[in-house]
């Protein structure tokens, strides 16, 4: 009978600790690290699997090793970035006594430099993806704020056409 009571007491104690405000920042950093690792693996593994079997030569062992390496690198980098980002945000908030928008920007800049600053295939793909999102958002914001006129026709089909034609061109070159 002591077993169920012990588990209830343990769960109560853990839940009580997790709800305390003083541990909120540390828990956010740890949860962010875990989420970064999980998300990195979830999005890189299927991509690496398909791309490796379509475009890479070598033995099955070499292909599996390449898939695992790409998945690990992506997952690790996202986990490190989120850990750095959340940690720096919490540190800045603790030092200044409040949260500011500049904290997010500074934490992202430092995290990006430390984690994604190495020029490798995984970081290049992540940086290109992020750059395309940034440019896309800035172009929408520029129209919204009136810095550039509203296009007469939706530019998205052209954006998609050019993006896919570049991807297809690379895929055809690799196959040849």
C-alpha atoms as a PDB file:
ATOM      1  CA  UNK A   1       0.000   0.000   0.000  1.00  0.00           C
ATOM      2  CA  UNK A   2       2.916   2.360   0.515  1.00  0.00           C
ATOM      3  CA  UNK A   3       3.633   2.302  -3.235  1.00  0.00           C
ATOM      4  CA  UNK A   4       0.564   4.270  -4.464  1.00  0.00           C
ATOM      5  CA  UNK A   5       0.866   6.778  -1.618  1.00  0.00           C
ATOM      6  CA  UNK A   6       4.535   7.310  -2.373  1.00  0.00           C
ATOM      7  CA  UNK A   7       3.782   7.908  -6.052  1.00  0.00           C
ATOM      8  CA  UNK A   8       0.997  10.363  -5.206  1.00  0.00           C
ATOM      9  CA  UNK A   9       3.305  12.251  -2.845  1.00  0.00           C
ATOM     10  CA  UNK A  10       6.097  12.298  -5.411  1.00  0.00           C
ATOM     11  CA  UNK A  11       3.771  13.569  -8.162  1.00  0.00           C
ATOM     12  CA  UNK A  12       2.356  16.217  -5.853  1.00  0.00           C
ATOM     13  CA  UNK A  13       5.882  17.382  -4.941  1.00  0.00           C
ATOM     14  CA  UNK A  14       7.061  17.478  -8.555  1.00  0.00           C
ATOM     15  CA  UNK A  15       3.947  19.351  -9.725  1.00  0.00           C
ATOM     16  CA  UNK A  16       4.322  21.807  -6.869  1.00  0.00           C
ATOM     17  CA  UNK A  17       7.950  22.492  -7.851  1.00  0.00           C
ATOM     18  CA  UNK A  18       7.047  22.917 -11.514  1.00  0.00           C
ATOM     19  CA  UNK A  19       4.415  25.529 -10.678  1.00  0.00           C
ATOM     20  CA  UNK A  20       6.758  27.741  -8.680  1.00  0.00           C
ATOM     21  CA  UNK A  21       7.548  31.028 -10.414  1.00  0.00           C
ATOM     22  CA  UNK A  22      11.246  30.932  -9.485  1.00  0.00           C
ATOM     23  CA  UNK A  23      11.795  27.830 -11.652  1.00  0.00           C
ATOM     24  CA  UNK A  24       9.812  29.108 -14.643  1.00  0.00           C
ATOM     25  CA  UNK A  25      12.804  30.390 -16.659  1.00  0.00           C
ATOM     26  CA  UNK A  26      14.957  27.305 -16.042  1.00  0.00           C
ATOM     27  CA  UNK A  27      12.091  25.013 -16.978  1.00  0.00           C
ATOM     28  CA  UNK A  28      11.412  27.027 -20.144  1.00  0.00           C
ATOM     29  CA  UNK A  29      15.065  26.647 -21.154  1.00  0.00           C
ATOM     30  CA  UNK A  30      15.006  22.884 -20.556  1.00  0.00           C
ATOM     31  CA  UNK A  31      11.653  22.426 -22.272  1.00  0.00           C
ATOM     32  CA  UNK A  32      12.870  24.510 -25.210  1.00  0.00           C
ATOM     33  CA  UNK A  33      15.988  22.353 -25.504  1.00  0.00           C
ATOM     34  CA  UNK A  34      13.869  19.212 -25.583  1.00  0.00           C
ATOM     35  CA  UNK A  35      11.371  20.675 -28.040  1.00  0.00           C
ATOM     36  CA  UNK A  36      14.172  21.870 -30.320  1.00  0.00           C
ATOM     37  CA  UNK A  37      15.729  18.417 -30.357  1.00  0.00           C
ATOM     38  CA  UNK A  38      12.410  16.671 -31.030  1.00  0.00           C
ATOM     39  CA  UNK A  39      11.310  19.114 -33.735  1.00  0.00           C
ATOM     40  CA  UNK A  40      14.715  18.980 -35.431  1.00  0.00           C
ATOM     41  CA  UNK A  41      14.558  15.197 -35.610  1.00  0.00           C
ATOM     42  CA  UNK A  42      10.926  15.176 -36.780  1.00  0.00           C
ATOM     43  CA  UNK A  43      11.563  17.474 -39.726  1.00  0.00           C
ATOM     44  CA  UNK A  44      15.077  16.379 -40.721  1.00  0.00           C
ATOM     45  CA  UNK A  45      14.708  12.584 -40.595  1.00  0.00           C
ATOM     46  CA  UNK A  46      12.048  12.275 -43.327  1.00  0.00           C
ATOM     47  CA  UNK A  47      13.793  14.877 -45.497  1.00  0.00           C
ATOM     48  CA  UNK A  48      17.178  13.199 -45.099  1.00  0.00           C
ATOM     49  CA  UNK A  49      15.646   9.786 -45.801  1.00  0.00           C
ATOM     50  CA  UNK A  50      14.080  10.872 -49.092  1.00  0.00           C
ATOM     51  CA  UNK A  51      16.980  13.005 -50.296  1.00  0.00           C
ATOM     52  CA  UNK A  52      19.588  10.388 -49.395  1.00  0.00           C
ATOM     53  CA  UNK A  53      17.846   7.559 -51.202  1.00  0.00           C
ATOM     54  CA  UNK A  54      17.056   9.730 -54.222  1.00  0.00           C
ATOM     55  CA  UNK A  55      20.360  11.488 -54.727  1.00  0.00           C
ATOM     56  CA  UNK A  56      23.147   9.778 -52.806  1.00  0.00           C
ATOM     57  CA  UNK A  57      25.163   6.800 -53.936  1.00  0.00           C
ATOM     58  CA  UNK A  58      26.856   4.278 -51.692  1.00  0.00           C
ATOM     59  CA  UNK A  59      25.980   1.332 -49.557  1.00  0.00           C
ATOM     60  CA  UNK A  60      22.862   1.081 -47.445  1.00  0.00           C
ATOM     61  CA  UNK A  61      25.045   1.480 -44.361  1.00  0.00           C
ATOM     62  CA  UNK A  62      26.564   4.707 -45.718  1.00  0.00           C
ATOM     63  CA  UNK A  63      23.119   6.061 -46.553  1.00  0.00           C
ATOM     64  CA  UNK A  64      21.733   5.234 -43.109  1.00  0.00           C
ATOM     65  CA  UNK A  65      24.794   6.809 -41.485  1.00  0.00           C
ATOM     66  CA  UNK A  66      24.263   9.993 -43.562  1.00  0.00           C
ATOM     67  CA  UNK A  67      20.572  10.124 -42.559  1.00  0.00           C
ATOM     68  CA  UNK A  68      21.415   9.715 -38.876  1.00  0.00           C
ATOM     69  CA  UNK A  69      24.194  12.309 -39.057  1.00  0.00           C
ATOM     70  CA  UNK A  70      21.979  14.902 -40.761  1.00  0.00           C
ATOM     71  CA  UNK A  71      19.133  14.224 -38.327  1.00  0.00           C
ATOM     72  CA  UNK A  72      21.431  14.438 -35.313  1.00  0.00           C
ATOM     73  CA  UNK A  73      23.084  17.664 -36.515  1.00  0.00           C
ATOM     74  CA  UNK A  74      19.768  19.379 -37.240  1.00  0.00           C
ATOM     75  CA  UNK A  75      18.220  18.227 -33.991  1.00  0.00           C
ATOM     76  CA  UNK A  76      21.268  19.219 -31.929  1.00  0.00           C
ATOM     77  CA  UNK A  77      21.516  22.636 -33.544  1.00  0.00           C
ATOM     78  CA  UNK A  78      17.862  23.474 -32.951  1.00  0.00           C
ATOM     79  CA  UNK A  79      18.132  22.275 -29.346  1.00  0.00           C
ATOM     80  CA  UNK A  80      21.285  24.372 -28.766  1.00  0.00           C
ATOM     81  CA  UNK A  81      19.700  27.400 -30.390  1.00  0.00           C
ATOM     82  CA  UNK A  82      16.525  27.265 -28.308  1.00  0.00           C
ATOM     83  CA  UNK A  83      18.565  26.638 -25.155  1.00  0.00           C
ATOM     84  CA  UNK A  84      20.752  29.676 -25.913  1.00  0.00           C
ATOM     85  CA  UNK A  85      17.826  31.857 -27.003  1.00  0.00           C
ATOM     86  CA  UNK A  86      15.602  31.094 -24.000  1.00  0.00           C
ATOM     87  CA  UNK A  87      18.537  31.284 -21.607  1.00  0.00           C
ATOM     88  CA  UNK A  88      19.651  34.692 -22.883  1.00  0.00           C
ATOM     89  CA  UNK A  89      16.096  36.011 -22.803  1.00  0.00           C
ATOM     90  CA  UNK A  90      15.702  34.896 -19.182  1.00  0.00           C
ATOM     91  CA  UNK A  91      19.091  36.378 -18.252  1.00  0.00           C
ATOM     92  CA  UNK A  92      18.271  39.739 -19.842  1.00  0.00           C
ATOM     93  CA  UNK A  93      14.873  39.835 -18.145  1.00  0.00           C
ATOM     94  CA  UNK A  94      16.476  38.999 -14.802  1.00  0.00           C
ATOM     95  CA  UNK A  95      19.125  41.732 -15.247  1.00  0.00           C
ATOM     96  CA  UNK A  96      16.681  44.437 -16.378  1.00  0.00           C
ATOM     97  CA  UNK A  97      13.698  43.395 -14.297  1.00  0.00           C
ATOM     98  CA  UNK A  98      11.342  43.230 -17.272  1.00  0.00           C
ATOM     99  CA  UNK A  99      11.020  41.685 -20.721  1.00  0.00           C
ATOM    100  CA  UNK A 100      11.687  43.876 -23.768  1.00  0.00           C
ATOM    101  CA  UNK A 101      11.339  43.184 -27.500  1.00  0.00           C
ATOM    102  CA  UNK A 102      15.034  43.914 -27.920  1.00  0.00           C
ATOM    103  CA  UNK A 103      15.804  40.940 -25.662  1.00  0.00           C
ATOM    104  CA  UNK A 104      14.306  38.575 -28.205  1.00  0.00           C
ATOM    105  CA  UNK A 105      16.264  40.150 -31.063  1.00  0.00           C
ATOM    106  CA  UNK A 106      19.570  40.103 -29.183  1.00  0.00           C
ATOM    107  CA  UNK A 107      19.072  36.525 -27.951  1.00  0.00           C
ATOM    108  CA  UNK A 108      18.254  35.371 -31.513  1.00  0.00           C
ATOM    109  CA  UNK A 109      21.308  37.152 -32.942  1.00  0.00           C
ATOM    110  CA  UNK A 110      23.687  35.626 -30.405  1.00  0.00           C
ATOM    111  CA  UNK A 111      22.088  32.192 -30.696  1.00  0.00           C
ATOM    112  CA  UNK A 112      22.172  32.333 -34.488  1.00  0.00           C
ATOM    113  CA  UNK A 113      25.825  33.348 -34.513  1.00  0.00           C
ATOM    114  CA  UNK A 114      26.888  30.694 -32.000  1.00  0.00           C
ATOM    115  CA  UNK A 115      24.823  27.802 -33.330  1.00  0.00           C
ATOM    116  CA  UNK A 116      24.191  28.438 -37.018  1.00  0.00           C
ATOM    117  CA  UNK A 117      27.391  30.351 -37.791  1.00  0.00           C
ATOM    118  CA  UNK A 118      29.295  27.282 -38.985  1.00  0.00           C
ATOM    119  CA  UNK A 119      29.078  26.930 -42.749  1.00  0.00           C
ATOM    120  CA  UNK A 120      27.816  23.375 -43.280  1.00  0.00           C
ATOM    121  CA  UNK A 121      25.010  21.821 -45.322  1.00  0.00           C
ATOM    122  CA  UNK A 122      22.490  21.662 -42.475  1.00  0.00           C
ATOM    123  CA  UNK A 123      23.083  25.245 -41.327  1.00  0.00           C
ATOM    124  CA  UNK A 124      23.006  26.485 -44.932  1.00  0.00           C
ATOM    125  CA  UNK A 125      19.594  24.921 -45.468  1.00  0.00           C
ATOM    126  CA  UNK A 126      18.254  26.296 -42.188  1.00  0.00           C
ATOM    127  CA  UNK A 127      19.612  29.784 -42.939  1.00  0.00           C
ATOM    128  CA  UNK A 128      18.180  29.777 -46.474  1.00  0.00           C
ATOM    129  CA  UNK A 129      14.798  28.711 -45.131  1.00  0.00           C
ATOM    130  CA  UNK A 130      14.845  31.435 -42.490  1.00  0.00           C
ATOM    131  CA  UNK A 131      16.062  34.076 -44.943  1.00  0.00           C
ATOM    132  CA  UNK A 132      13.218  33.274 -47.339  1.00  0.00           C
ATOM    133  CA  UNK A 133      10.695  33.621 -44.489  1.00  0.00           C
ATOM    134  CA  UNK A 134      12.233  36.927 -43.395  1.00  0.00           C
ATOM    135  CA  UNK A 135      12.243  38.375 -46.923  1.00  0.00           C
ATOM    136  CA  UNK A 136       8.697  37.181 -47.519  1.00  0.00           C
ATOM    137  CA  UNK A 137       7.498  38.780 -44.279  1.00  0.00           C
ATOM    138  CA  UNK A 138       9.397  42.018 -44.925  1.00  0.00           C
ATOM    139  CA  UNK A 139       7.894  42.324 -48.402  1.00  0.00           C
ATOM    140  CA  UNK A 140       4.389  41.889 -46.966  1.00  0.00           C
ATOM    141  CA  UNK A 141       5.151  44.422 -44.247  1.00  0.00           C
ATOM    142  CA  UNK A 142       6.495  46.899 -46.810  1.00  0.00           C
ATOM    143  CA  UNK A 143       3.202  46.700 -48.735  1.00  0.00           C
ATOM    144  CA  UNK A 144       1.183  46.915 -45.504  1.00  0.00           C
ATOM    145  CA  UNK A 145       3.069  50.039 -44.356  1.00  0.00           C
ATOM    146  CA  UNK A 146       2.841  51.655 -47.796  1.00  0.00           C
ATOM    147  CA  UNK A 147       6.588  51.606 -48.572  1.00  0.00           C
ATOM    148  CA  UNK A 148       5.874  49.778 -51.818  1.00  0.00           C
ATOM    149  CA  UNK A 149       2.578  49.759 -53.729  1.00  0.00           C
ATOM    150  CA  UNK A 150       0.125  46.886 -53.513  1.00  0.00           C
ATOM    151  CA  UNK A 151       0.764  44.591 -56.511  1.00  0.00           C
ATOM    152  CA  UNK A 152      -2.037  44.445 -59.055  1.00  0.00           C
ATOM    153  CA  UNK A 153      -1.754  40.638 -59.198  1.00  0.00           C
ATOM    154  CA  UNK A 154      -0.890  38.188 -56.460  1.00  0.00           C
ATOM    155  CA  UNK A 155       2.909  37.688 -56.661  1.00  0.00           C
ATOM    156  CA  UNK A 156       2.809  34.354 -54.813  1.00  0.00           C
ATOM    157  CA  UNK A 157       2.465  32.151 -57.945  1.00  0.00           C
ATOM    158  CA  UNK A 158       5.615  33.791 -59.365  1.00  0.00           C
ATOM    159  CA  UNK A 159       7.413  33.307 -56.041  1.00  0.00           C
ATOM    160  CA  UNK A 160       6.424  29.620 -56.014  1.00  0.00           C
ATOM    161  CA  UNK A 161       7.370  29.154 -59.669  1.00  0.00           C
ATOM    162  CA  UNK A 162      10.848  30.594 -59.218  1.00  0.00           C
ATOM    163  CA  UNK A 163      11.445  28.739 -55.977  1.00  0.00           C
ATOM    164  CA  UNK A 164      10.363  25.395 -57.392  1.00  0.00           C
ATOM    165  CA  UNK A 165      12.184  25.875 -60.689  1.00  0.00           C
ATOM    166  CA  UNK A 166      15.420  26.422 -58.754  1.00  0.00           C
ATOM    167  CA  UNK A 167      14.776  23.315 -56.641  1.00  0.00           C
ATOM    168  CA  UNK A 168      13.919  21.235 -59.723  1.00  0.00           C
ATOM    169  CA  UNK A 169      17.004  22.489 -61.557  1.00  0.00           C
ATOM    170  CA  UNK A 170      19.213  21.342 -58.672  1.00  0.00           C
ATOM    171  CA  UNK A 171      17.458  17.977 -58.535  1.00  0.00           C
ATOM    172  CA  UNK A 172      17.976  17.449 -62.276  1.00  0.00           C
ATOM    173  CA  UNK A 173      21.668  18.381 -62.056  1.00  0.00           C
ATOM    174  CA  UNK A 174      22.230  15.921 -59.206  1.00  0.00           C
ATOM    175  CA  UNK A 175      20.485  13.107 -61.105  1.00  0.00           C
ATOM    176  CA  UNK A 176      22.622  13.599 -64.204  1.00  0.00           C
END
